[in-house]
Amino acid sequence: QVQLVESGGGLVQAGGSLRLSCAASARTFTFSSYAMGWFRQAPGKERELLASISYRGDSTYSLDSVKGRFTISRDNAKNTVYLQMSSLKPEDTAVYYCAKAKYPRVSRSPYEYDVWGQGTQVTVSS
């Protein structure tokens, strides 16, 4: 069974930066064969896809509202995907989740993801 564990969340002031990490582990899971994504969910709002990265890391997608501030990357040797966040705003406050896609290509729909981490809280103070 695939397990995804996020880390790196916390409290940061507006304008600050954080780097989230998501480590994947499983006996029969080949991390480098699947696209990965980062989502967030704020209180009272639906979960939204922020970014996706292809299996080799050579193609990415970012939500317009975070483009230029958030960068997704991956290290297949470490079975880890990252989300570098900068110029953080109070409206970025949410629980952030990583997820494994069903496919190797960039995946833009939540329905294209089948395994989720437990989430990590990011709080941005004004």
C-alpha atoms as a PDB file:
ATOM      1  CA  GLN A   1       0.000   0.000   0.000  1.00  0.00           C
ATOM      2  CA  VAL A   2       1.249   3.460  -0.921  1.00  0.00           C
ATOM      3  CA  GLN A   3       1.893   5.878   1.907  1.00  0.00           C
ATOM      4  CA  LEU A   4       2.484   9.612   1.477  1.00  0.00           C
ATOM      5  CA  VAL A   5       3.789  11.685   4.374  1.00  0.00           C
ATOM      6  CA  GLU A   6       3.904  15.475   4.176  1.00  0.00           C
ATOM      7  CA  SER A   7       6.157  17.683   6.264  1.00  0.00           C
ATOM      8  CA  GLY A   8       7.356  21.266   6.389  1.00  0.00           C
ATOM      9  CA  GLY A   9       4.166  23.074   7.290  1.00  0.00           C
ATOM     10  CA  GLY A  10       3.954  25.638  10.060  1.00  0.00           C
ATOM     11  CA  LEU A  11       3.329  29.241  10.965  1.00  0.00           C
ATOM     12  CA  VAL A  12       4.936  31.932   8.828  1.00  0.00           C
ATOM     13  CA  GLN A  13       4.489  35.679   8.442  1.00  0.00           C
ATOM     14  CA  ALA A  14       3.060  37.151   5.271  1.00  0.00           C
ATOM     15  CA  GLY A  15       5.768  37.506   2.649  1.00  0.00           C
ATOM     16  CA  GLY A  16       7.669  34.550   4.031  1.00  0.00           C
ATOM     17  CA  SER A  17       8.548  31.196   2.514  1.00  0.00           C
ATOM     18  CA  LEU A  18       8.096  27.518   3.283  1.00  0.00           C
ATOM     19  CA  ARG A  19       9.108  24.315   1.558  1.00  0.00           C
ATOM     20  CA  LEU A  20       6.786  21.361   1.882  1.00  0.00           C
ATOM     21  CA  SER A  21       8.019  17.836   1.348  1.00  0.00           C
ATOM     22  CA  CYS A  22       6.112  14.652   0.634  1.00  0.00           C
ATOM     23  CA  ALA A  23       7.860  11.321   1.023  1.00  0.00           C
ATOM     24  CA  ALA A  24       6.366   8.273  -0.643  1.00  0.00           C
ATOM     25  CA  SER A  25       6.840   4.695   0.425  1.00  0.00           C
ATOM     26  CA  ALA A  26       5.396   1.335  -0.567  1.00  0.00           C
ATOM     27  CA  ARG A  27       6.635  -2.114  -1.329  1.00  0.00           C
ATOM     28  CA  THR A  28       5.213  -2.222  -4.835  1.00  0.00           C
ATOM     29  CA  PHE A  29       5.010   1.446  -5.708  1.00  0.00           C
ATOM     30  CA  THR A  30       7.405   2.881  -8.259  1.00  0.00           C
ATOM     31  CA  PHE A  31       7.400   6.578  -7.393  1.00  0.00           C
ATOM     32  CA  SER A  32       9.155   7.553 -10.605  1.00  0.00           C
ATOM     33  CA  SER A  33       6.325   6.082 -12.725  1.00  0.00           C
ATOM     34  CA  TYR A  34       3.586   8.478 -11.622  1.00  0.00           C
ATOM     35  CA  ALA A  35       2.806  12.153 -11.675  1.00  0.00           C
ATOM     36  CA  MET A  36       2.364  13.836  -8.305  1.00  0.00           C
ATOM     37  CA  GLY A  37       0.351  16.803  -7.154  1.00  0.00           C
ATOM     38  CA  TRP A  38      -0.111  19.271  -4.334  1.00  0.00           C
ATOM     39  CA  PHE A  39      -3.551  20.344  -3.145  1.00  0.00           C
ATOM     40  CA  ARG A  40      -4.832  22.562  -0.356  1.00  0.00           C
ATOM     41  CA  GLN A  41      -8.070  22.940   1.500  1.00  0.00           C
ATOM     42  CA  ALA A  42      -9.005  25.991   3.520  1.00  0.00           C
ATOM     43  CA  PRO A  43     -11.814  25.938   6.108  1.00  0.00           C
ATOM     44  CA  GLY A  44     -15.190  26.019   4.402  1.00  0.00           C
ATOM     45  CA  LYS A  45     -13.690  25.658   0.942  1.00  0.00           C
ATOM     46  CA  GLU A  46     -13.234  22.814  -1.491  1.00  0.00           C
ATOM     47  CA  ARG A  47      -9.911  21.130  -1.978  1.00  0.00           C
ATOM     48  CA  GLU A  48      -8.059  22.707  -4.897  1.00  0.00           C
ATOM     49  CA  LEU A  49      -5.192  21.489  -7.036  1.00  0.00           C
ATOM     50  CA  LEU A  50      -2.209  23.818  -6.790  1.00  0.00           C
ATOM     51  CA  ALA A  51       0.394  22.078  -8.905  1.00  0.00           C
ATOM     52  CA  SER A  52       1.192  18.851 -10.675  1.00  0.00           C
ATOM     53  CA  ILE A  53       4.449  17.382 -11.950  1.00  0.00           C
ATOM     54  CA  SER A  54       4.994  14.607 -14.462  1.00  0.00           C
ATOM     55  CA  TYR A  55       6.748  11.361 -13.616  1.00  0.00           C
ATOM     56  CA  ARG A  56      10.121  12.569 -14.868  1.00  0.00           C
ATOM     57  CA  GLY A  57       9.680  16.113 -13.593  1.00  0.00           C
ATOM     58  CA  ASP A  58       9.992  17.619 -17.058  1.00  0.00           C
ATOM     59  CA  SER A  59       6.453  18.954 -17.207  1.00  0.00           C
ATOM     60  CA  THR A  60       4.506  20.900 -14.595  1.00  0.00           C
ATOM     61  CA  TYR A  61       1.199  22.642 -14.109  1.00  0.00           C
ATOM     62  CA  SER A  62       0.434  25.422 -11.626  1.00  0.00           C
ATOM     63  CA  LEU A  63      -2.800  27.098 -10.652  1.00  0.00           C
ATOM     64  CA  ASP A  64      -2.852  30.682 -11.901  1.00  0.00           C
ATOM     65  CA  SER A  65      -3.270  32.130  -8.416  1.00  0.00           C
ATOM     66  CA  VAL A  66       0.009  30.574  -7.225  1.00  0.00           C
ATOM     67  CA  LYS A  67       2.003  30.736 -10.440  1.00  0.00           C
ATOM     68  CA  GLY A  68       5.262  32.569  -9.850  1.00  0.00           C
ATOM     69  CA  ARG A  69       5.010  32.030  -6.076  1.00  0.00           C
ATOM     70  CA  PHE A  70       4.775  28.231  -5.724  1.00  0.00           C
ATOM     71  CA  THR A  71       7.074  25.747  -7.474  1.00  0.00           C
ATOM     72  CA  ILE A  72       6.631  22.001  -7.578  1.00  0.00           C
ATOM     73  CA  SER A  73       9.627  19.712  -8.007  1.00  0.00           C
ATOM     74  CA  ARG A  74      10.556  16.108  -7.364  1.00  0.00           C
ATOM     75  CA  ASP A  75      13.559  13.947  -6.590  1.00  0.00           C
ATOM     76  CA  ASN A  76      12.879  10.432  -7.831  1.00  0.00           C
ATOM     77  CA  ALA A  77      16.014   9.101  -6.165  1.00  0.00           C
ATOM     78  CA  LYS A  78      14.520  10.133  -2.802  1.00  0.00           C
ATOM     79  CA  ASN A  79      10.884   9.285  -3.645  1.00  0.00           C
ATOM     80  CA  THR A  80      10.005  12.833  -2.637  1.00  0.00           C
ATOM     81  CA  VAL A  81       8.006  15.678  -4.131  1.00  0.00           C
ATOM     82  CA  TYR A  82       8.367  19.269  -2.961  1.00  0.00           C
ATOM     83  CA  LEU A  83       6.367  22.463  -2.987  1.00  0.00           C
ATOM     84  CA  GLN A  84       8.429  25.599  -2.592  1.00  0.00           C
ATOM     85  CA  MET A  85       6.196  28.456  -1.504  1.00  0.00           C
ATOM     86  CA  SER A  86       7.258  32.091  -1.404  1.00  0.00           C
ATOM     87  CA  SER A  87       5.583  35.483  -0.986  1.00  0.00           C
ATOM     88  CA  LEU A  88       3.010  33.781   1.193  1.00  0.00           C
ATOM     89  CA  LYS A  89      -0.269  35.532   1.894  1.00  0.00           C
ATOM     90  CA  PRO A  90      -2.816  35.066   4.686  1.00  0.00           C
ATOM     91  CA  GLU A  91      -5.191  33.583   2.107  1.00  0.00           C
ATOM     92  CA  ASP A  92      -2.692  30.761   1.562  1.00  0.00           C
ATOM     93  CA  THR A  93      -3.608  29.452   5.014  1.00  0.00           C
ATOM     94  CA  ALA A  94      -4.891  25.904   4.571  1.00  0.00           C
ATOM     95  CA  VAL A  95      -4.111  22.246   5.023  1.00  0.00           C
ATOM     96  CA  TYR A  96      -1.789  21.162   2.231  1.00  0.00           C
ATOM     97  CA  TYR A  97      -1.901  17.645   0.801  1.00  0.00           C
ATOM     98  CA  CYS A  98       0.250  15.766  -1.636  1.00  0.00           C
ATOM     99  CA  ALA A  99      -1.273  13.100  -3.842  1.00  0.00           C
ATOM    100  CA  LYS A 100      -0.222  10.409  -6.270  1.00  0.00           C
ATOM    101  CA  ALA A 101      -1.702  10.543  -9.756  1.00  0.00           C
ATOM    102  CA  LYS A 102      -3.021   7.512 -11.611  1.00  0.00           C
ATOM    103  CA  TYR A 103      -0.971   8.442 -14.654  1.00  0.00           C
ATOM    104  CA  PRO A 104       2.603   9.476 -15.506  1.00  0.00           C
ATOM    105  CA  ARG A 105       1.562  12.742 -17.177  1.00  0.00           C
ATOM    106  CA  VAL A 106       0.634  15.997 -15.474  1.00  0.00           C
ATOM    107  CA  SER A 107      -2.837  15.541 -14.022  1.00  0.00           C
ATOM    108  CA  ARG A 108      -5.162  18.514 -13.567  1.00  0.00           C
ATOM    109  CA  SER A 109      -8.268  16.927 -12.084  1.00  0.00           C
ATOM    110  CA  PRO A 110      -8.666  15.673  -8.495  1.00  0.00           C
ATOM    111  CA  TYR A 111     -10.290  12.570  -9.990  1.00  0.00           C
ATOM    112  CA  GLU A 112      -6.959  11.646 -11.548  1.00  0.00           C
ATOM    113  CA  TYR A 113      -5.400  11.110  -8.114  1.00  0.00           C
ATOM    114  CA  ASP A 114      -5.847   7.952  -6.092  1.00  0.00           C
ATOM    115  CA  VAL A 115      -3.628   8.209  -3.006  1.00  0.00           C
ATOM    116  CA  TRP A 116      -3.470  11.137  -0.560  1.00  0.00           C
ATOM    117  CA  GLY A 117      -1.293  12.116   2.331  1.00  0.00           C
ATOM    118  CA  GLN A 118      -2.645  13.127   5.727  1.00  0.00           C
ATOM    119  CA  GLY A 119      -1.957  16.814   5.159  1.00  0.00           C
ATOM    120  CA  THR A 120       0.176  19.475   6.794  1.00  0.00           C
ATOM    121  CA  GLN A 121      -1.109  22.772   8.164  1.00  0.00           C
ATOM    122  CA  VAL A 122       0.219  26.038   6.755  1.00  0.00           C
ATOM    123  CA  THR A 123      -0.769  29.205   8.572  1.00  0.00           C
ATOM    124  CA  VAL A 124       0.222  32.628   7.254  1.00  0.00           C
ATOM    125  CA  SER A 125      -0.141  35.520   9.659  1.00  0.00           C
ATOM    126  CA  SER A 126      -0.681  39.096   8.535  1.00  0.00           C
END
